[in-house]
Every structure is written in structure tokens, then in C-alpha cells.
Amino acid sequence: MTDLTVRLDRRQLLGLSLAGAVPLVFGRAALAALAGGDEPGLPERILVVVQLSGGNDGLSTVVPFADDAYHKARRQLAVENPLRLDERVGLHPNLEKLLPLFKEGRLAIVQGASYPNPNRSHFEAMDIWHTADLRGRRVDTGWLGRAMDSCCHAGAAPDPNLVVAIGKSPPYAVAAKQLKAVAFETPEAYQWRVSGGDATGFAKANEPAPGEGAAAWLHDVAAAARSSSAAVRRAAAAYRPKAAYPVPGRLGRDLRTVAALIHGKLPTRVYYAALGGFDTHVRQKPAHDALMRELGDSLAAFQADLAAQGHAGRVLTMVFSEFGRRVSENASGGTDHGVAAPMFLLGEGAKGGLHGTHPSLADLDHGDLKMTTDFRTVYAAVLGRWLGVSARDVLGAEFPALPVL
């Protein structure tokens, strides 16, 4: 036989590319739903992860304005006029649009998040956050990948429970054994690319075929992936946001895309986005001020958009960075790699307020803040209380869930 699909095995199919990675866990029922049959069951709860890449300066984000040690260590970089959260700490003033969420109990701020024996390498530290394991990539899956594997089974046809990453490639956090995350930079670019071949012929060859067996499975996967990309592009093209996202701004654009896909009733459980530029070794203040503006305005617009569309109760947004910065500013008007930093959780399901203890500026570890909250206690809450999966199974150990939800 010369049918293209028959010549493909599972290993070869993994090499096929949309403008990103192709989801490989679709049964025939899920395929029919994506192709326009019965609407698939929508996830009751959705997690949106926002990664701040480069090491966000936590002391310029959640500012210990009442601590004299802060002002002595940050003679150039001390943040003036922070937005007071209590008598000790306040938000960077460019996060002003998040202050109403905090006052309304929809913004939880976790202080001093890190892990034992911290690593100051961007790559290794991010791997630890992505795997929720101090061994980093020696663990062959990410924490969200394991979570999705635990509730989705290859060959089954409940909600596909896809993972969507906005970017060139999926982060290691979503690496899984059974599920392949979708990744694209823009919805418009998310479609089949056929190297050296006829896209029309390829699409025709991979239309759903009756029957069972390997050929039918391969047909299903290819057609489901094409239908998935079409659904993404339709949802994004048709969307009319009910909030003003910041322009220009990468994060605002990406969160607008996430809002469009949620409103478009995609069966996605996890969305992942990132904002870079936080490695502020030199002239930190103008760069970090701008990043705080983009972060705060984008998150606030996203929350307002979700609320206006009636989806706010289904969505939890978690914000983290791979590490914080050192307490003392350097000679170049910046800060160097540090340890502990804050995490944010936003949404109607968040238990608003300050959680954990702000690290002491008087009791440092070689110039670094000491961890006061193990980030895996936050993951444990998100896994067990939001995604509804076993935190112990995913994390490989028992971590008490921080009461942030």
C-alpha cells in the first residue's frame, strides 16, 4: 500500500510538526468531538502558569519598606512609595492594578519561596522548579506532565486534557510520558508544516479512517492534531476581549490568547506562558520597573477579561521565577543571582493575602535571603486542591499543602 499513514510508525509520527508539538493522546471519541461532533466535557478547573524567566528581584516586587537593612543594602535600587500590603511590606508601585485583587482576597502572595540547598544557575534552578525535584532533569518528567499523566490515559477518550504552552517549545514542567503538550508562539502559526511534501496530500491521507489497528490510530492522531490546530486558530480569530490588554507587551498578548482559548471551550487543563528579561545584573531599575508594569497590567487585564466572560471561577493563575536576587545591589546598578522570591496566585479560588514569612534581611546566608517557604508546598496545594490529583504521587514525597486556596 502507498497510503502515507501506513508508512508511518509511532516514532516517525512524533517527528511530525505543527508550529509546535502535537498532542498525541486522542481517542476516536475525542477526535469526533474536535472535528465538530458532540462538544467534549470542559475542564471544571484550569491552571495558568506564568514563568518570570531570569530571576525576578523579589525585594523590588514585594518590598520590605519598613526594614532599615533594605534601604542600606539598596541605596540606588530601593523602591520608593510601594503599595502597602501591611505595616512591613508593599507591592512595587507599577503593580498598582493588582492591589484591588489583593484587597478583594483574589491575590495570594507567597513570601520567601525556594528549596533546600538552592542552585544559582538559571538552567539548573529552572529544572528544579520544573520537575519539583532537587535532581532536576535527572527526573525524566515535569511536575505538570506527571500531574496530567495521572489523570489522562493513552488510548482513552475522556476529555483530552491537553496542555498548551505559548512559546517556541513546551517547558520541561509539562514533559510527560503519555501526553505531548501543544506549543505555539501565535495561534495563526499553529498549523501543519510538511517538509518537502504536499500539505494537501498529507491532510487527505490523514483524514479519519474507519476501523481499528495501527493505521486507524495513526489516522486519528494526525486528524486530531489538525482539528486541534484549527480549533485554536478559530477561537483566537473570533475572540473579542472584554478588557484592555497592554500594548505593546508579550505577556499581555499571550494571556489574551489564553483567554481566547478558554472562552473558545478548548478542553485544556494547563496553560503556560513566560515573561523574560529578569536577569538584571546591570542598570536594573528601569528594566525592572518596566517589567513590573507589564506583569501587573497583563495579569489585571487577564483577570478582568475572565470575569467579564464568566470564566473567573474556573481559572487559577500561578506566577513564579527560578530564583530571586541578592540583597545588596552590585557596582553596576543591578543585582546578582540570589535565592528566595515571592510567588503569586490569582483568581477567585485563591485565598488572598500574605502567606509565609518574609525572609529576614538581618539573617542572611552569604548575602542571600534564606528560604522561608518550600515552593513544593505551593505545588502541593495546586495539585491536590485545584487540579484534583495526588500531590504525593506527583511530587514523590509528602509536602503539606500551603493554605493558599
Protein backbone atom coordinates (compact mmCIF):
# COMPACT_ATOMS: atom_id res chain seq x y z
CA MET A 1 0.00 0.00 0.00
CA THR A 2 1.18 3.51 -0.69
CA ASP A 3 -1.02 5.38 1.80
CA LEU A 4 1.26 7.82 3.64
CA THR A 5 -0.12 6.96 7.07
CA VAL A 6 0.61 3.26 6.67
CA ARG A 7 4.28 4.10 6.19
CA LEU A 8 4.42 5.98 9.50
CA ASP A 9 5.12 4.28 12.78
CA ARG A 10 4.71 5.86 16.23
CA ARG A 11 8.33 7.03 16.39
CA GLN A 12 8.06 8.73 12.99
CA LEU A 13 4.77 10.35 13.90
CA LEU A 14 6.42 12.02 16.87
CA GLY A 15 8.60 13.84 14.35
CA LEU A 16 5.68 15.45 12.55
CA SER A 17 5.33 19.12 13.43
CA LEU A 18 2.62 21.64 13.81
CA ALA A 19 4.10 25.04 14.63
CA GLY A 20 4.98 23.39 17.90
CA ALA A 21 4.32 19.99 19.42
CA VAL A 22 1.37 17.78 18.54
CA PRO A 23 -0.90 16.29 21.21
CA LEU A 24 -0.79 12.53 20.88
CA VAL A 25 -3.49 11.43 23.31
CA PHE A 26 -6.73 11.39 21.33
CA GLY A 27 -9.14 8.53 21.15
CA ARG A 28 -11.68 8.31 18.38
CA ALA A 29 -14.39 9.91 20.54
CA ALA A 30 -12.15 12.87 21.28
CA LEU A 31 -11.32 13.15 17.57
CA ALA A 32 -15.01 13.27 16.69
CA ALA A 33 -15.58 16.00 19.25
CA LEU A 34 -12.74 18.13 17.93
CA ALA A 35 -13.96 17.62 14.39
CA GLY A 36 -17.32 19.12 15.23
CA GLY A 37 -19.27 16.30 16.87
CA ASP A 38 -20.52 16.33 20.43
CA GLU A 39 -18.83 19.02 22.49
CA PRO A 40 -16.21 17.48 24.80
CA GLY A 41 -16.66 17.95 28.53
CA LEU A 42 -14.90 21.11 29.58
CA PRO A 43 -12.44 21.08 32.48
CA GLU A 44 -14.01 22.39 35.65
CA ARG A 45 -10.73 23.96 36.72
CA ILE A 46 -7.88 25.39 34.68
CA LEU A 47 -4.35 26.29 35.77
CA VAL A 48 -2.44 29.10 34.06
CA VAL A 49 1.28 29.27 34.87
CA VAL A 50 3.28 32.45 34.25
CA GLN A 51 7.04 31.97 34.44
CA LEU A 52 9.25 35.01 35.12
CA SER A 53 12.48 33.98 33.42
CA GLY A 54 15.88 35.24 34.53
CA GLY A 55 15.42 35.50 38.28
CA ASN A 56 12.93 38.13 39.43
CA ASP A 57 14.13 40.54 42.13
CA GLY A 58 11.70 39.68 44.90
CA LEU A 59 12.85 42.60 47.07
CA SER A 60 11.74 45.02 44.36
CA THR A 61 8.46 43.13 43.87
CA VAL A 62 7.28 42.64 47.45
CA VAL A 63 9.21 45.45 49.12
CA PRO A 64 10.20 45.31 52.84
CA PHE A 65 9.92 49.09 53.10
CA ALA A 66 9.91 49.17 56.92
CA ASP A 67 13.28 47.40 57.20
CA ASP A 68 16.28 49.72 57.56
CA ALA A 69 18.55 46.93 56.29
CA TYR A 70 16.72 47.05 52.96
CA HIS A 71 17.42 50.75 52.43
CA LYS A 72 21.08 50.35 53.47
CA ALA A 73 21.58 47.49 51.00
CA ARG A 74 19.67 49.19 48.19
CA ARG A 75 20.84 52.81 48.14
CA GLN A 76 20.23 53.05 44.36
CA LEU A 77 17.61 50.40 43.89
CA ALA A 78 15.30 50.81 46.88
CA VAL A 79 11.73 51.07 45.61
CA GLU A 80 10.08 54.31 46.66
CA ASN A 81 6.42 54.58 47.60
CA PRO A 82 5.46 50.91 47.49
CA LEU A 83 1.78 49.99 47.71
CA ARG A 84 1.37 48.96 51.34
CA LEU A 85 0.10 45.45 51.98
CA ASP A 86 0.67 45.65 55.74
CA GLU A 87 2.90 47.61 58.08
CA ARG A 88 6.05 45.88 56.81
CA VAL A 89 5.83 45.13 53.08
CA GLY A 90 4.30 46.59 49.95
CA LEU A 91 3.98 45.93 46.23
CA HIS A 92 6.08 47.65 43.60
CA PRO A 93 4.09 50.75 42.58
CA ASN A 94 3.87 49.56 38.96
CA LEU A 95 1.83 46.59 40.21
CA GLU A 96 -0.90 49.02 41.18
CA LYS A 97 -3.58 47.22 39.16
CA LEU A 98 -3.05 44.11 41.30
CA LEU A 99 -3.74 45.95 44.55
CA PRO A 100 -7.55 45.76 44.19
CA LEU A 101 -7.25 41.99 43.67
CA PHE A 102 -5.23 41.75 46.88
CA LYS A 103 -7.77 43.80 48.82
CA GLU A 104 -10.63 41.71 47.42
CA GLY A 105 -8.95 38.46 48.50
CA ARG A 106 -8.18 37.27 44.97
CA LEU A 107 -4.39 37.61 45.11
CA ALA A 108 -2.31 35.35 47.34
CA ILE A 109 1.35 36.33 47.78
CA VAL A 110 3.69 33.60 48.97
CA GLN A 111 6.83 35.02 50.57
CA GLY A 112 10.33 33.57 50.56
CA ALA A 113 9.73 30.68 48.13
CA SER A 114 12.69 28.46 47.27
CA TYR A 115 14.04 24.98 48.17
CA PRO A 116 16.86 23.47 50.28
CA ASN A 117 20.44 23.85 49.02
CA PRO A 118 19.49 26.34 46.29
CA ASN A 119 21.18 26.46 42.91
CA ARG A 120 22.01 29.82 41.32
CA SER A 121 22.35 28.56 37.75
CA HIS A 122 19.41 29.68 35.62
CA PHE A 123 19.17 26.33 33.87
CA GLU A 124 19.59 24.06 36.86
CA ALA A 125 17.38 26.18 39.11
CA MET A 126 14.62 26.25 36.49
CA ASP A 127 14.92 22.49 36.08
CA ILE A 128 14.33 22.08 39.81
CA TRP A 129 11.21 24.24 39.66
CA HIS A 130 10.03 22.44 36.52
CA THR A 131 10.47 18.96 37.94
CA ALA A 132 9.72 19.82 41.60
CA ASP A 133 12.74 17.67 42.37
CA LEU A 134 16.23 18.67 43.55
CA ARG A 135 17.71 16.27 40.97
CA GLY A 136 16.44 18.46 38.13
CA ARG A 137 16.44 16.84 34.70
CA ARG A 138 17.69 13.57 36.05
CA VAL A 139 13.96 13.18 36.60
CA ASP A 140 12.53 12.41 33.16
CA THR A 141 9.21 14.27 33.53
CA GLY A 142 7.99 17.63 34.75
CA TRP A 143 5.62 18.14 37.67
CA LEU A 144 2.72 19.20 35.46
CA GLY A 145 3.47 16.43 33.00
CA ARG A 146 3.20 13.89 35.80
CA ALA A 147 0.01 15.52 37.02
CA MET A 148 -1.59 15.25 33.60
CA ASP A 149 -0.35 11.69 33.11
CA SER A 150 -2.01 10.76 36.38
CA CYS A 151 -5.45 11.82 35.15
CA CYS A 152 -5.17 11.06 31.41
CA HIS A 153 -4.50 7.67 29.88
CA ALA A 154 -3.19 6.95 26.42
CA GLY A 155 -5.82 5.37 24.23
CA ALA A 156 -8.69 6.51 26.43
CA ALA A 157 -11.19 9.07 25.28
CA PRO A 158 -12.35 11.27 28.16
CA ASP A 159 -11.60 14.98 27.91
CA PRO A 160 -8.23 15.11 26.14
CA ASN A 161 -6.84 17.24 28.99
CA LEU A 162 -4.35 18.96 26.77
CA VAL A 163 -1.53 21.21 27.92
CA VAL A 164 -0.93 24.38 25.87
CA ALA A 165 2.31 26.36 26.10
CA ILE A 166 2.60 29.78 24.50
CA GLY A 167 6.14 29.81 23.13
CA LYS A 168 8.55 28.13 20.76
CA SER A 169 8.61 24.87 22.70
CA PRO A 170 6.95 23.39 25.76
CA PRO A 171 8.74 23.98 29.10
CA TYR A 172 10.15 20.97 30.89
CA ALA A 173 7.46 21.38 33.55
CA VAL A 174 4.96 19.78 31.17
CA ALA A 175 7.21 16.94 29.96
CA ALA A 176 5.18 13.75 30.35
CA LYS A 177 5.30 10.08 29.47
CA GLN A 178 1.83 9.89 27.91
CA LEU A 179 0.86 13.42 26.91
CA LYS A 180 2.57 15.64 24.38
CA ALA A 181 1.99 19.34 25.04
CA VAL A 182 0.96 21.77 22.32
CA ALA A 183 3.28 24.75 21.84
CA PHE A 184 2.98 27.76 19.54
CA GLU A 185 4.07 31.40 19.62
CA THR A 186 0.93 32.68 17.92
CA PRO A 187 -2.33 30.89 17.11
CA GLU A 188 -2.03 31.91 13.46
CA ALA A 189 1.22 29.94 13.11
CA TYR A 190 -0.21 26.81 14.72
CA GLN A 191 -0.82 24.56 11.73
CA TRP A 192 0.74 21.70 9.80
CA ARG A 193 4.20 22.11 8.35
CA VAL A 194 5.19 19.39 5.90
CA SER A 195 8.86 19.45 4.99
CA GLY A 196 9.40 18.62 1.33
CA GLY A 197 5.90 17.28 0.91
CA ASP A 198 2.44 18.14 -0.27
CA ALA A 199 0.39 19.52 2.63
CA THR A 200 -2.88 18.93 0.80
CA GLY A 201 -1.97 15.34 0.02
CA PHE A 202 -0.77 14.81 3.56
CA ALA A 203 -4.02 16.15 5.02
CA LYS A 204 -6.10 13.98 2.70
CA ALA A 205 -4.06 10.90 3.55
CA ASN A 206 -4.62 11.53 7.23
CA GLU A 207 -8.35 12.02 7.26
CA PRO A 208 -10.05 9.77 9.84
CA ALA A 209 -10.36 6.20 8.68
CA PRO A 210 -12.86 3.59 9.85
CA GLY A 211 -11.70 0.50 11.64
CA GLU A 212 -9.15 -0.24 14.31
CA GLY A 213 -5.47 -1.08 14.49
CA ALA A 214 -2.27 0.85 13.90
CA ALA A 215 -3.34 2.55 10.69
CA ALA A 216 -6.59 3.80 12.24
CA TRP A 217 -4.70 5.01 15.31
CA LEU A 218 -2.24 6.94 13.16
CA HIS A 219 -5.08 8.46 11.15
CA ASP A 220 -6.80 9.52 14.36
CA VAL A 221 -3.71 11.18 15.78
CA ALA A 222 -2.94 13.14 12.62
CA ALA A 223 -6.51 14.26 12.06
CA ALA A 224 -6.97 15.15 15.74
CA ALA A 225 -3.87 17.29 15.67
CA ARG A 226 -5.11 19.10 12.55
CA SER A 227 -8.51 19.61 14.17
CA SER A 228 -6.85 20.86 17.35
CA SER A 229 -4.86 23.48 15.48
CA ALA A 230 -7.96 24.59 13.59
CA ALA A 231 -9.89 24.94 16.85
CA VAL A 232 -7.12 27.08 18.33
CA ARG A 233 -7.00 29.36 15.30
CA ARG A 234 -10.79 29.72 15.17
CA ALA A 235 -11.03 30.55 18.87
CA ALA A 236 -8.28 33.17 18.68
CA ALA A 237 -9.61 34.78 15.50
CA ALA A 238 -13.16 35.06 16.81
CA TYR A 239 -12.28 36.36 20.25
CA ARG A 240 -13.26 39.86 21.35
CA PRO A 241 -11.69 40.60 24.75
CA LYS A 242 -13.68 42.46 27.36
CA ALA A 243 -10.61 44.03 28.93
CA ALA A 244 -7.80 46.20 27.60
CA TYR A 245 -4.53 44.27 27.47
CA PRO A 246 -1.31 46.34 27.50
CA VAL A 247 0.12 47.14 24.07
CA PRO A 248 2.88 46.52 23.28
CA GLY A 249 3.63 43.64 25.57
CA ARG A 250 4.39 39.97 25.03
CA LEU A 251 2.72 38.78 28.22
CA GLY A 252 -0.48 40.69 27.59
CA ARG A 253 -0.68 39.24 24.08
CA ASP A 254 -0.09 35.73 25.35
CA LEU A 255 -2.64 35.98 28.15
CA ARG A 256 -5.16 37.37 25.68
CA THR A 257 -4.58 34.21 23.63
CA VAL A 258 -5.14 32.07 26.73
CA ALA A 259 -8.37 33.93 27.47
CA ALA A 260 -9.49 33.36 23.87
CA LEU A 261 -8.88 29.61 24.09
CA ILE A 262 -10.65 29.33 27.43
CA HIS A 263 -13.62 31.23 26.03
CA GLY A 264 -13.46 29.05 22.91
CA LYS A 265 -14.19 25.99 25.08
CA LEU A 266 -10.98 24.10 24.43
CA PRO A 267 -10.62 21.16 26.81
CA THR A 268 -7.28 22.41 28.15
CA ARG A 269 -6.32 21.85 31.78
CA VAL A 270 -2.99 23.73 31.87
CA TYR A 271 -1.79 26.82 30.01
CA TYR A 272 1.82 28.00 30.29
CA ALA A 273 3.25 31.42 29.44
CA ALA A 274 6.51 33.22 30.21
CA LEU A 275 7.87 36.73 30.57
CA GLY A 276 11.64 37.13 30.20
CA GLY A 277 14.17 39.84 30.97
CA PHE A 278 14.57 39.43 34.72
CA ASP A 279 18.32 38.76 34.75
CA THR A 280 19.04 42.33 35.82
CA HIS A 281 22.77 42.44 36.59
CA VAL A 282 23.21 45.93 35.14
CA ARG A 283 21.02 49.07 35.41
CA GLN A 284 18.22 47.12 36.96
CA LYS A 285 15.81 49.87 37.92
CA PRO A 286 14.43 50.99 34.52
CA ALA A 287 14.27 47.42 33.22
CA HIS A 288 12.62 46.00 36.32
CA ASP A 289 10.19 48.92 36.59
CA ALA A 290 9.05 48.23 33.02
CA LEU A 291 8.71 44.50 33.69
CA MET A 292 6.60 45.18 36.79
CA ARG A 293 4.32 47.40 34.70
CA GLU A 294 3.93 44.73 32.03
CA LEU A 295 3.37 42.00 34.61
CA GLY A 296 0.82 43.88 36.68
CA ASP A 297 -1.16 45.33 33.78
CA SER A 298 -1.23 41.99 31.93
CA LEU A 299 -2.37 39.95 34.93
CA ALA A 300 -5.02 42.50 35.87
CA ALA A 301 -6.39 42.61 32.32
CA PHE A 302 -6.49 38.82 32.18
CA GLN A 303 -8.42 38.57 35.44
CA ALA A 304 -10.86 41.29 34.34
CA ASP A 305 -11.35 39.56 30.98
CA LEU A 306 -12.03 36.20 32.60
CA ALA A 307 -14.52 37.77 34.98
CA ALA A 308 -16.37 39.58 32.19
CA GLN A 309 -16.57 36.37 30.14
CA GLY A 310 -17.82 34.36 33.12
CA HIS A 311 -14.77 32.13 33.47
CA ALA A 312 -13.05 33.63 36.52
CA GLY A 313 -14.22 30.87 38.86
CA ARG A 314 -12.60 28.18 36.70
CA VAL A 315 -9.11 29.67 36.37
CA LEU A 316 -6.19 29.89 38.81
CA THR A 317 -3.05 31.75 37.73
CA MET A 318 0.29 30.98 39.36
CA VAL A 319 3.37 33.22 38.91
CA PHE A 320 6.93 32.18 39.82
CA SER A 321 10.60 32.76 38.99
CA GLU A 322 13.54 30.37 39.23
CA PHE A 323 15.20 32.41 41.99
CA GLY A 324 15.39 35.91 43.46
CA ARG A 325 18.31 38.33 43.59
CA ARG A 326 20.96 39.06 46.22
CA VAL A 327 20.11 41.56 48.93
CA SER A 328 22.86 44.07 48.17
CA GLU A 329 22.96 45.88 44.85
CA ASN A 330 26.14 45.48 42.81
CA ALA A 331 28.51 48.13 41.45
CA SER A 332 26.70 48.16 38.09
CA GLY A 333 23.38 49.30 39.48
CA GLY A 334 21.95 45.80 39.33
CA THR A 335 21.64 42.68 41.43
CA ASP A 336 23.16 39.23 41.12
CA HIS A 337 21.61 35.78 41.40
CA GLY A 338 20.03 35.09 44.76
CA VAL A 339 17.64 32.65 46.35
CA ALA A 340 14.18 33.22 47.77
CA ALA A 341 11.49 35.24 45.98
CA PRO A 342 7.70 35.65 46.08
CA MET A 343 5.10 33.65 44.18
CA PHE A 344 1.63 34.93 43.21
CA LEU A 345 -1.64 33.03 42.91
CA LEU A 346 -4.56 34.90 41.39
CA GLY A 347 -8.21 34.05 40.96
CA GLU A 348 -11.47 33.54 42.77
CA GLY A 349 -10.12 30.26 44.14
CA ALA A 350 -7.06 31.88 45.72
CA LYS A 351 -7.00 32.60 49.43
CA GLY A 352 -5.89 36.20 49.24
CA GLY A 353 -3.32 37.82 51.49
CA LEU A 354 0.27 37.30 52.53
CA HIS A 355 1.38 33.72 53.13
CA GLY A 356 4.55 32.62 54.83
CA THR A 357 7.14 34.86 56.43
CA HIS A 358 9.14 37.49 54.61
CA PRO A 359 12.80 36.43 54.77
CA SER A 360 14.94 38.30 57.29
CA LEU A 361 17.40 40.84 55.93
CA ALA A 362 19.42 40.56 59.13
CA ASP A 363 19.91 36.78 58.98
CA LEU A 364 21.41 36.09 55.57
CA ASP A 365 23.19 33.13 54.03
CA HIS A 366 26.34 34.62 52.48
CA GLY A 367 24.42 37.67 51.35
CA ASP A 368 21.29 35.80 50.26
CA LEU A 369 17.83 35.63 51.71
CA LYS A 370 17.02 32.34 53.37
CA MET A 371 14.07 30.32 52.18
CA THR A 372 11.01 30.56 54.40
CA THR A 373 8.59 28.59 52.16
CA ASP A 374 9.37 25.46 50.18
CA PHE A 375 7.79 26.04 46.76
CA ARG A 376 6.65 22.43 46.69
CA THR A 377 4.12 23.23 49.44
CA VAL A 378 2.52 25.61 46.93
CA TYR A 379 2.62 22.94 44.24
CA ALA A 380 1.01 20.52 46.69
CA ALA A 381 -1.91 22.91 47.15
CA VAL A 382 -2.29 23.48 43.41
CA LEU A 383 -2.16 19.77 42.64
CA GLY A 384 -4.44 18.48 45.35
CA ARG A 385 -6.84 21.34 45.90
CA TRP A 386 -7.09 22.74 42.38
CA LEU A 387 -6.19 20.10 39.79
CA GLY A 388 -7.55 17.27 41.92
CA VAL A 389 -4.61 14.90 41.61
CA SER A 390 -2.47 13.24 44.28
CA ALA A 391 0.23 15.70 45.27
CA ARG A 392 2.22 12.96 46.95
CA ASP A 393 2.25 10.82 43.83
CA VAL A 394 3.29 13.73 41.62
CA LEU A 395 5.90 15.21 43.99
CA GLY A 396 7.25 11.88 45.17
CA ALA A 397 7.07 12.89 48.82
CA GLU A 398 4.68 14.38 51.34
CA PHE A 399 4.62 18.17 51.34
CA PRO A 400 1.99 19.92 53.44
CA ALA A 401 -0.24 22.00 51.18
CA LEU A 402 0.20 25.69 51.92
CA PRO A 403 -3.27 27.16 52.60
CA VAL A 404 -3.27 29.43 49.55
CA LEU A 405 -6.53 28.06 48.05
